[in-house]
Amino acid sequence: MRQYLMPLAAALMAGTALPSTASAQDAITTVDLNMRAGPSTAFPVVDVIPDSAPVDVHGCVRGYSWCDVTAAGSRGWVSASYLSYARGGSYVPLAVYGAEYDVPIITFSVGSYWDNYYRGRPWYAERARWRDRWQENWRDIRRDDRAERREERRENRADRREDRIDRRETRREAVQERRERVQDRRRENRVERREQRRDIQERRRESRMERRDRTPAARAERQGRQSLQQRSRGDRASSGRSREGRVERGDRGRRGREG
């Protein structure tokens, strides 16, 4: 019993020792989970949290790989891969949705953290050795974090490059469509103008014919044609009368000879 009361008393005495942590957020464990004295499997085990037990999440390291939690009066670090939040009748992993739930990003220091929570633990006397190991490990973690951030920036640049390519392709297609529409309109306008010019030329031709018919020369030409037609009719009538006269004279001559 004393083993669990001493960390709890230390936590109560140092309730304001970590001002960077936000208000606790409820989560549950998905397995029987080891609570450790720091954000790494290299740290000693503080307690074992049973499966489906509620925990209060105070914050997580960058990347949401390890989180500082309180469970059943014990304070320590657990792997975020085995913590979940309730959402819409189901549960989602904290490691994936930590940013969406505004879980704060915090840091870890062996000295201050162990002083606040683990003074009565048997391995507390070796905190200097653990601090040195953590600082070395922390350099590796920070190096991994930098590598992850570089990879994220590289992926973001690749995504932005693809977005720019897509936007350029979209703009190129839009320009091509506008160019084709303009060409189609110009082609239709040329056809319409040709038809309009043809109509205008036809109307002008008809107008010239009408004006030509109204001129004195056209009237004289028309009267000349009418005169020719009349003379032609007169000639045909005269030729008919002369033929009748010849026939009549021929008949009189035949009657004289017969008499």
C-alpha atoms as a PDB file:
ATOM      1  CA  MET A   1       0.000   0.000   0.000  1.00  0.00           C
ATOM      2  CA  ARG A   2       2.815   2.365   0.848  1.00  0.00           C
ATOM      3  CA  GLN A   3       4.227   1.741  -2.619  1.00  0.00           C
ATOM      4  CA  TYR A   4       1.179   3.420  -4.208  1.00  0.00           C
ATOM      5  CA  LEU A   5       0.614   6.106  -1.568  1.00  0.00           C
ATOM      6  CA  MET A   6       4.081   7.652  -1.804  1.00  0.00           C
ATOM      7  CA  PRO A   7       3.883   8.496  -5.551  1.00  0.00           C
ATOM      8  CA  LEU A   8       0.382   9.814  -4.986  1.00  0.00           C
ATOM      9  CA  ALA A   9       1.555  12.024  -2.132  1.00  0.00           C
ATOM     10  CA  ALA A  10       4.457  13.246  -4.216  1.00  0.00           C
ATOM     11  CA  ALA A  11       2.080  14.019  -7.055  1.00  0.00           C
ATOM     12  CA  LEU A  12      -0.183  15.990  -4.720  1.00  0.00           C
ATOM     13  CA  MET A  13       2.750  17.934  -3.309  1.00  0.00           C
ATOM     14  CA  ALA A  14       3.973  18.771  -6.815  1.00  0.00           C
ATOM     15  CA  GLY A  15       0.581  19.468  -8.354  1.00  0.00           C
ATOM     16  CA  THR A  16       1.848  22.678  -9.916  1.00  0.00           C
ATOM     17  CA  ALA A  17       5.305  21.400 -10.830  1.00  0.00           C
ATOM     18  CA  LEU A  18       4.432  20.945 -14.531  1.00  0.00           C
ATOM     19  CA  PRO A  19       2.690  24.149 -15.660  1.00  0.00           C
ATOM     20  CA  SER A  20       3.089  23.154 -19.308  1.00  0.00           C
ATOM     21  CA  THR A  21       0.559  20.321 -19.038  1.00  0.00           C
ATOM     22  CA  ALA A  22      -3.035  21.033 -19.940  1.00  0.00           C
ATOM     23  CA  SER A  23      -6.124  19.686 -18.258  1.00  0.00           C
ATOM     24  CA  ALA A  24      -6.292  15.904 -18.218  1.00  0.00           C
ATOM     25  CA  GLN A  25      -8.185  14.149 -21.003  1.00  0.00           C
ATOM     26  CA  ASP A  26      -9.905  10.804 -20.571  1.00  0.00           C
ATOM     27  CA  ALA A  27      -8.664   7.849 -22.608  1.00  0.00           C
ATOM     28  CA  ILE A  28      -8.674   4.080 -22.167  1.00  0.00           C
ATOM     29  CA  THR A  29      -6.057   1.405 -22.582  1.00  0.00           C
ATOM     30  CA  THR A  30      -6.448  -1.269 -25.246  1.00  0.00           C
ATOM     31  CA  VAL A  31      -4.152  -3.857 -23.584  1.00  0.00           C
ATOM     32  CA  ASP A  32      -2.570  -4.549 -20.210  1.00  0.00           C
ATOM     33  CA  LEU A  33      -0.118  -1.685 -20.430  1.00  0.00           C
ATOM     34  CA  ASN A  34       3.177  -1.010 -18.656  1.00  0.00           C
ATOM     35  CA  MET A  35       3.499   2.442 -17.121  1.00  0.00           C
ATOM     36  CA  ARG A  36       7.139   3.499 -17.133  1.00  0.00           C
ATOM     37  CA  ALA A  37       9.222   6.160 -15.439  1.00  0.00           C
ATOM     38  CA  GLY A  38       9.952   7.881 -18.756  1.00  0.00           C
ATOM     39  CA  PRO A  39       8.960   7.929 -22.443  1.00  0.00           C
ATOM     40  CA  SER A  40      10.928   4.848 -23.453  1.00  0.00           C
ATOM     41  CA  THR A  41      10.872   1.097 -22.891  1.00  0.00           C
ATOM     42  CA  ALA A  42      14.338   1.486 -21.335  1.00  0.00           C
ATOM     43  CA  PHE A  43      12.874   3.154 -18.216  1.00  0.00           C
ATOM     44  CA  PRO A  44      11.767   1.136 -15.178  1.00  0.00           C
ATOM     45  CA  VAL A  45       8.159  -0.063 -14.908  1.00  0.00           C
ATOM     46  CA  VAL A  46       6.128   2.019 -12.464  1.00  0.00           C
ATOM     47  CA  ASP A  47       2.860   0.081 -12.638  1.00  0.00           C
ATOM     48  CA  VAL A  48       0.749  -2.095 -14.948  1.00  0.00           C
ATOM     49  CA  ILE A  49      -2.539  -0.621 -16.154  1.00  0.00           C
ATOM     50  CA  PRO A  50      -5.162  -3.255 -16.954  1.00  0.00           C
ATOM     51  CA  ASP A  51      -6.929  -3.460 -20.319  1.00  0.00           C
ATOM     52  CA  SER A  52      -9.830  -1.002 -20.883  1.00  0.00           C
ATOM     53  CA  ALA A  53      -8.840   1.036 -17.814  1.00  0.00           C
ATOM     54  CA  PRO A  54      -9.458   4.803 -17.886  1.00  0.00           C
ATOM     55  CA  VAL A  55      -6.409   7.076 -17.824  1.00  0.00           C
ATOM     56  CA  ASP A  56      -5.911  10.832 -17.675  1.00  0.00           C
ATOM     57  CA  VAL A  57      -3.631  12.082 -20.448  1.00  0.00           C
ATOM     58  CA  HIS A  58      -1.578  15.129 -19.433  1.00  0.00           C
ATOM     59  CA  GLY A  59       0.408  15.438 -22.644  1.00  0.00           C
ATOM     60  CA  CYS A  60       2.560  13.608 -25.160  1.00  0.00           C
ATOM     61  CA  VAL A  61       5.992  14.020 -26.660  1.00  0.00           C
ATOM     62  CA  ARG A  62       6.239  15.267 -30.226  1.00  0.00           C
ATOM     63  CA  GLY A  63       4.892  12.729 -32.657  1.00  0.00           C
ATOM     64  CA  TYR A  64       2.470  11.306 -30.057  1.00  0.00           C
ATOM     65  CA  SER A  65       4.561   8.205 -29.452  1.00  0.00           C
ATOM     66  CA  TRP A  66       4.576   8.393 -25.610  1.00  0.00           C
ATOM     67  CA  CYS A  67       2.171  10.134 -23.257  1.00  0.00           C
ATOM     68  CA  ASP A  68       2.325  11.273 -19.637  1.00  0.00           C
ATOM     69  CA  VAL A  69      -0.719   9.806 -17.857  1.00  0.00           C
ATOM     70  CA  THR A  70      -2.278   9.204 -14.474  1.00  0.00           C
ATOM     71  CA  ALA A  71      -4.039   5.911 -13.776  1.00  0.00           C
ATOM     72  CA  ALA A  72      -5.233   4.531 -10.423  1.00  0.00           C
ATOM     73  CA  GLY A  73      -3.187   7.143  -8.574  1.00  0.00           C
ATOM     74  CA  SER A  74       0.079   6.394 -10.389  1.00  0.00           C
ATOM     75  CA  ARG A  75       1.845   8.858 -12.654  1.00  0.00           C
ATOM     76  CA  GLY A  76       4.040   7.766 -15.544  1.00  0.00           C
ATOM     77  CA  TRP A  77       4.558   7.321 -19.252  1.00  0.00           C
ATOM     78  CA  VAL A  78       2.816   4.843 -21.565  1.00  0.00           C
ATOM     79  CA  SER A  79       3.014   4.085 -25.252  1.00  0.00           C
ATOM     80  CA  ALA A  80       0.344   6.101 -27.109  1.00  0.00           C
ATOM     81  CA  SER A  81      -0.153   3.185 -29.500  1.00  0.00           C
ATOM     82  CA  TYR A  82      -2.222   1.483 -26.797  1.00  0.00           C
ATOM     83  CA  LEU A  83      -4.418   4.456 -25.856  1.00  0.00           C
ATOM     84  CA  SER A  84      -7.731   5.276 -27.486  1.00  0.00           C
ATOM     85  CA  TYR A  85     -10.393   7.978 -27.342  1.00  0.00           C
ATOM     86  CA  ALA A  86     -14.142   7.423 -27.595  1.00  0.00           C
ATOM     87  CA  ARG A  87     -15.566   8.759 -30.841  1.00  0.00           C
ATOM     88  CA  GLY A  88     -18.988   8.191 -32.368  1.00  0.00           C
ATOM     89  CA  GLY A  89     -19.716   4.959 -30.543  1.00  0.00           C
ATOM     90  CA  SER A  90     -16.242   3.529 -31.240  1.00  0.00           C
ATOM     91  CA  TYR A  91     -12.638   4.272 -30.297  1.00  0.00           C
ATOM     92  CA  VAL A  92      -9.839   5.919 -32.265  1.00  0.00           C
ATOM     93  CA  PRO A  93      -6.090   5.646 -31.541  1.00  0.00           C
ATOM     94  CA  LEU A  94      -4.569   8.568 -29.689  1.00  0.00           C
ATOM     95  CA  ALA A  95      -1.344   8.230 -31.680  1.00  0.00           C
ATOM     96  CA  VAL A  96      -3.296   9.149 -34.834  1.00  0.00           C
ATOM     97  CA  TYR A  97      -5.902  11.581 -33.481  1.00  0.00           C
ATOM     98  CA  GLY A  98      -3.859  13.279 -30.756  1.00  0.00           C
ATOM     99  CA  ALA A  99      -3.628  16.568 -32.662  1.00  0.00           C
ATOM    100  CA  GLU A 100      -7.344  16.539 -33.415  1.00  0.00           C
ATOM    101  CA  TYR A 101      -8.108  16.161 -29.688  1.00  0.00           C
ATOM    102  CA  ASP A 102      -5.662  18.982 -28.838  1.00  0.00           C
ATOM    103  CA  VAL A 103      -3.443  16.774 -26.697  1.00  0.00           C
ATOM    104  CA  PRO A 104      -0.582  19.091 -25.666  1.00  0.00           C
ATOM    105  CA  ILE A 105       3.025  18.450 -26.657  1.00  0.00           C
ATOM    106  CA  ILE A 106       5.317  18.313 -23.629  1.00  0.00           C
ATOM    107  CA  THR A 107       8.952  17.530 -22.827  1.00  0.00           C
ATOM    108  CA  PHE A 108      10.486  15.210 -20.274  1.00  0.00           C
ATOM    109  CA  SER A 109      13.276  15.728 -17.764  1.00  0.00           C
ATOM    110  CA  VAL A 110      14.430  12.838 -15.568  1.00  0.00           C
ATOM    111  CA  GLY A 111      15.491  15.097 -12.701  1.00  0.00           C
ATOM    112  CA  SER A 112      12.359  17.175 -12.192  1.00  0.00           C
ATOM    113  CA  TYR A 113       9.911  14.386 -13.089  1.00  0.00           C
ATOM    114  CA  TRP A 114      11.507  11.785 -10.819  1.00  0.00           C
ATOM    115  CA  ASP A 115      11.851  14.313  -8.012  1.00  0.00           C
ATOM    116  CA  ASN A 116       8.128  14.965  -8.187  1.00  0.00           C
ATOM    117  CA  TYR A 117       6.833  11.402  -8.488  1.00  0.00           C
ATOM    118  CA  TYR A 118       9.425   8.723  -7.706  1.00  0.00           C
ATOM    119  CA  ARG A 119      11.338   9.683  -4.567  1.00  0.00           C
ATOM    120  CA  GLY A 120      10.319   6.491  -2.814  1.00  0.00           C
ATOM    121  CA  ARG A 121      11.128   4.130  -5.670  1.00  0.00           C
ATOM    122  CA  PRO A 122      14.202   1.883  -5.393  1.00  0.00           C
ATOM    123  CA  TRP A 123      15.691   3.130  -8.648  1.00  0.00           C
ATOM    124  CA  TYR A 124      15.299   6.824  -7.649  1.00  0.00           C
ATOM    125  CA  ALA A 125      18.817   6.813  -6.156  1.00  0.00           C
ATOM    126  CA  GLU A 126      20.177   6.069  -9.656  1.00  0.00           C
ATOM    127  CA  ARG A 127      18.478   9.024 -11.267  1.00  0.00           C
ATOM    128  CA  ALA A 128      21.837  10.545 -12.327  1.00  0.00           C
ATOM    129  CA  ARG A 129      22.627   7.420 -14.367  1.00  0.00           C
ATOM    130  CA  TRP A 130      19.160   7.397 -15.840  1.00  0.00           C
ATOM    131  CA  ARG A 131      19.466  11.104 -16.623  1.00  0.00           C
ATOM    132  CA  ASP A 132      22.678  10.504 -18.564  1.00  0.00           C
ATOM    133  CA  ARG A 133      21.121   7.571 -20.395  1.00  0.00           C
ATOM    134  CA  TRP A 134      18.040   9.652 -21.202  1.00  0.00           C
ATOM    135  CA  GLN A 135      20.063  12.594 -22.471  1.00  0.00           C
ATOM    136  CA  GLU A 136      21.916  10.266 -24.824  1.00  0.00           C
ATOM    137  CA  ASN A 137      18.676   8.585 -25.804  1.00  0.00           C
ATOM    138  CA  TRP A 138      16.989  11.968 -26.140  1.00  0.00           C
ATOM    139  CA  ARG A 139      19.632  13.034 -28.645  1.00  0.00           C
ATOM    140  CA  ASP A 140      18.744   9.953 -30.679  1.00  0.00           C
ATOM    141  CA  ILE A 141      15.046  10.751 -30.345  1.00  0.00           C
ATOM    142  CA  ARG A 142      15.579  14.336 -31.395  1.00  0.00           C
ATOM    143  CA  ARG A 143      17.656  13.134 -34.321  1.00  0.00           C
ATOM    144  CA  ASP A 144      14.827  10.787 -35.282  1.00  0.00           C
ATOM    145  CA  ASP A 145      12.359  13.643 -34.857  1.00  0.00           C
ATOM    146  CA  ARG A 146      14.447  15.846 -37.120  1.00  0.00           C
ATOM    147  CA  ALA A 147      14.599  13.039 -39.668  1.00  0.00           C
ATOM    148  CA  GLU A 148      10.811  12.639 -39.438  1.00  0.00           C
ATOM    149  CA  ARG A 149      10.280  16.371 -39.838  1.00  0.00           C
ATOM    150  CA  ARG A 150      12.612  16.429 -42.839  1.00  0.00           C
ATOM    151  CA  GLU A 151      10.668  13.527 -44.340  1.00  0.00           C
ATOM    152  CA  GLU A 152       7.392  15.344 -43.659  1.00  0.00           C
ATOM    153  CA  ARG A 153       8.736  18.508 -45.288  1.00  0.00           C
ATOM    154  CA  ARG A 154       9.924  16.440 -48.252  1.00  0.00           C
ATOM    155  CA  GLU A 155       6.503  14.843 -48.582  1.00  0.00           C
ATOM    156  CA  ASN A 156       4.826  18.237 -48.245  1.00  0.00           C
ATOM    157  CA  ARG A 157       7.060  19.662 -50.972  1.00  0.00           C
ATOM    158  CA  ALA A 158       6.232  16.680 -53.183  1.00  0.00           C
ATOM    159  CA  ASP A 159       2.517  17.195 -52.510  1.00  0.00           C
ATOM    160  CA  ARG A 160       2.792  20.907 -53.273  1.00  0.00           C
ATOM    161  CA  ARG A 161       4.727  20.107 -56.450  1.00  0.00           C
ATOM    162  CA  GLU A 162       2.007  17.693 -57.548  1.00  0.00           C
ATOM    163  CA  ASP A 163      -0.626  20.302 -56.712  1.00  0.00           C
ATOM    164  CA  ARG A 164       1.205  22.881 -58.825  1.00  0.00           C
ATOM    165  CA  ILE A 165       1.463  20.396 -61.690  1.00  0.00           C
ATOM    166  CA  ASP A 166      -2.261  19.646 -61.402  1.00  0.00           C
ATOM    167  CA  ARG A 167      -3.106  23.349 -61.329  1.00  0.00           C
ATOM    168  CA  ARG A 168      -0.905  24.026 -64.355  1.00  0.00           C
ATOM    169  CA  GLU A 169      -2.522  21.153 -66.222  1.00  0.00           C
ATOM    170  CA  THR A 170      -5.969  22.440 -65.280  1.00  0.00           C
ATOM    171  CA  ARG A 171      -5.072  25.951 -66.440  1.00  0.00           C
ATOM    172  CA  ARG A 172      -3.606  24.544 -69.671  1.00  0.00           C
ATOM    173  CA  GLU A 173      -6.794  22.607 -70.364  1.00  0.00           C
ATOM    174  CA  ALA A 174      -8.910  25.675 -69.574  1.00  0.00           C
ATOM    175  CA  VAL A 175      -6.803  27.817 -71.929  1.00  0.00           C
ATOM    176  CA  GLN A 176      -7.087  25.181 -74.654  1.00  0.00           C
ATOM    177  CA  GLU A 177     -10.869  25.046 -74.230  1.00  0.00           C
ATOM    178  CA  ARG A 178     -11.120  28.850 -74.381  1.00  0.00           C
ATOM    179  CA  ARG A 179      -8.911  28.890 -77.495  1.00  0.00           C
ATOM    180  CA  GLU A 180     -11.091  26.269 -79.180  1.00  0.00           C
ATOM    181  CA  ARG A 181     -14.256  28.180 -78.290  1.00  0.00           C
ATOM    182  CA  VAL A 182     -12.758  31.387 -79.700  1.00  0.00           C
ATOM    183  CA  GLN A 183     -11.732  29.601 -82.885  1.00  0.00           C
ATOM    184  CA  ASP A 184     -15.225  28.126 -83.256  1.00  0.00           C
ATOM    185  CA  ARG A 185     -16.815  31.555 -82.785  1.00  0.00           C
ATOM    186  CA  ARG A 186     -14.433  33.104 -85.316  1.00  0.00           C
ATOM    187  CA  ARG A 187     -15.197  30.346 -87.812  1.00  0.00           C
ATOM    188  CA  GLU A 188     -18.938  30.844 -87.351  1.00  0.00           C
ATOM    189  CA  ASN A 189     -18.497  34.610 -87.688  1.00  0.00           C
ATOM    190  CA  ARG A 190     -16.575  34.176 -90.950  1.00  0.00           C
ATOM    191  CA  VAL A 191     -19.323  31.954 -92.355  1.00  0.00           C
ATOM    192  CA  GLU A 192     -21.977  34.475 -91.308  1.00  0.00           C
ATOM    193  CA  ARG A 193     -20.013  37.356 -92.827  1.00  0.00           C
ATOM    194  CA  ARG A 194     -19.627  35.449 -96.097  1.00  0.00           C
ATOM    195  CA  GLU A 195     -23.354  34.804 -96.223  1.00  0.00           C
ATOM    196  CA  GLN A 196     -24.056  38.428 -95.407  1.00  0.00           C
ATOM    197  CA  ARG A 197     -21.694  39.602 -98.182  1.00  0.00           C
ATOM    198  CA  ARG A 198     -23.362  37.182-100.596  1.00  0.00           C
ATOM    199  CA  ASP A 199     -26.797  38.530 -99.659  1.00  0.00           C
ATOM    200  CA  ILE A 200     -25.577  42.101-100.013  1.00  0.00           C
ATOM    201  CA  GLN A 201     -24.079  41.369-103.450  1.00  0.00           C
ATOM    202  CA  GLU A 202     -27.335  39.722-104.564  1.00  0.00           C
ATOM    203  CA  ARG A 203     -29.383  42.679-103.395  1.00  0.00           C
ATOM    204  CA  ARG A 204     -27.000  45.065-105.136  1.00  0.00           C
ATOM    205  CA  ARG A 205     -27.275  43.071-108.357  1.00  0.00           C
ATOM    206  CA  GLU A 206     -31.049  43.200-108.181  1.00  0.00           C
ATOM    207  CA  SER A 207     -30.911  46.909-107.439  1.00  0.00           C
ATOM    208  CA  ARG A 208     -28.677  47.518-110.464  1.00  0.00           C
ATOM    209  CA  MET A 209     -31.092  45.551-112.674  1.00  0.00           C
ATOM    210  CA  GLU A 210     -34.011  47.588-111.414  1.00  0.00           C
ATOM    211  CA  ARG A 211     -32.165  50.869-111.965  1.00  0.00           C
ATOM    212  CA  ARG A 212     -31.105  49.744-115.443  1.00  0.00           C
ATOM    213  CA  ASP A 213     -34.726  49.077-116.352  1.00  0.00           C
ATOM    214  CA  ARG A 214     -35.673  52.591-115.228  1.00  0.00           C
ATOM    215  CA  THR A 215     -33.011  54.432-117.359  1.00  0.00           C
ATOM    216  CA  PRO A 216     -33.917  56.110-120.794  1.00  0.00           C
ATOM    217  CA  ALA A 217     -31.649  53.716-122.655  1.00  0.00           C
ATOM    218  CA  ALA A 218     -33.463  50.797-121.111  1.00  0.00           C
ATOM    219  CA  ARG A 219     -36.812  52.360-122.048  1.00  0.00           C
ATOM    220  CA  ALA A 220     -35.589  52.986-125.625  1.00  0.00           C
ATOM    221  CA  GLU A 221     -34.320  49.455-125.851  1.00  0.00           C
ATOM    222  CA  ARG A 222     -37.644  48.184-124.646  1.00  0.00           C
ATOM    223  CA  GLN A 223     -39.535  50.373-127.096  1.00  0.00           C
ATOM    224  CA  GLY A 224     -37.221  49.179-129.885  1.00  0.00           C
ATOM    225  CA  ARG A 225     -37.987  45.591-129.039  1.00  0.00           C
ATOM    226  CA  GLN A 226     -41.698  46.407-129.051  1.00  0.00           C
ATOM    227  CA  SER A 227     -41.372  48.142-132.477  1.00  0.00           C
ATOM    228  CA  LEU A 228     -39.537  45.174-133.919  1.00  0.00           C
ATOM    229  CA  GLN A 229     -42.233  42.883-132.631  1.00  0.00           C
ATOM    230  CA  GLN A 230     -44.932  45.110-134.216  1.00  0.00           C
ATOM    231  CA  ARG A 231     -43.115  45.258-137.579  1.00  0.00           C
ATOM    232  CA  SER A 232     -42.664  41.542-137.472  1.00  0.00           C
ATOM    233  CA  ARG A 233     -46.395  41.110-136.963  1.00  0.00           C
ATOM    234  CA  GLY A 234     -47.131  43.636-139.780  1.00  0.00           C
ATOM    235  CA  ASP A 235     -44.810  41.844-142.182  1.00  0.00           C
ATOM    236  CA  ARG A 236     -46.485  38.589-141.490  1.00  0.00           C
ATOM    237  CA  ALA A 237     -49.908  40.195-142.135  1.00  0.00           C
ATOM    238  CA  SER A 238     -48.731  41.780-145.436  1.00  0.00           C
ATOM    239  CA  SER A 239     -47.250  38.536-146.674  1.00  0.00           C
ATOM    240  CA  GLY A 240     -50.576  36.839-145.961  1.00  0.00           C
ATOM    241  CA  ARG A 241     -52.578  39.461-147.958  1.00  0.00           C
ATOM    242  CA  SER A 242     -50.234  39.280-150.956  1.00  0.00           C
ATOM    243  CA  ARG A 243     -50.508  35.526-150.998  1.00  0.00           C
ATOM    244  CA  GLU A 244     -54.286  35.764-150.974  1.00  0.00           C
ATOM    245  CA  GLY A 245     -54.140  38.261-153.904  1.00  0.00           C
ATOM    246  CA  ARG A 246     -52.032  35.945-155.978  1.00  0.00           C
ATOM    247  CA  VAL A 247     -54.378  33.096-155.306  1.00  0.00           C
ATOM    248  CA  GLU A 248     -57.378  35.271-156.339  1.00  0.00           C
ATOM    249  CA  ARG A 249     -55.695  36.415-159.587  1.00  0.00           C
ATOM    250  CA  GLY A 250     -54.803  32.891-160.420  1.00  0.00           C
ATOM    251  CA  ASP A 251     -58.418  31.837-159.994  1.00  0.00           C
ATOM    252  CA  ARG A 252     -59.673  34.616-162.299  1.00  0.00           C
ATOM    253  CA  GLY A 253     -57.188  33.621-164.994  1.00  0.00           C
ATOM    254  CA  ARG A 254     -58.317  30.029-164.919  1.00  0.00           C
ATOM    255  CA  ARG A 255     -61.971  31.081-165.227  1.00  0.00           C
ATOM    256  CA  GLY A 256     -61.151  33.306-168.261  1.00  0.00           C
ATOM    257  CA  ARG A 257     -59.470  30.494-170.108  1.00  0.00           C
ATOM    258  CA  GLU A 258     -62.253  28.151-169.436  1.00  0.00           C
ATOM    259  CA  GLY A 259     -64.798  30.679-170.802  1.00  0.00           C
END
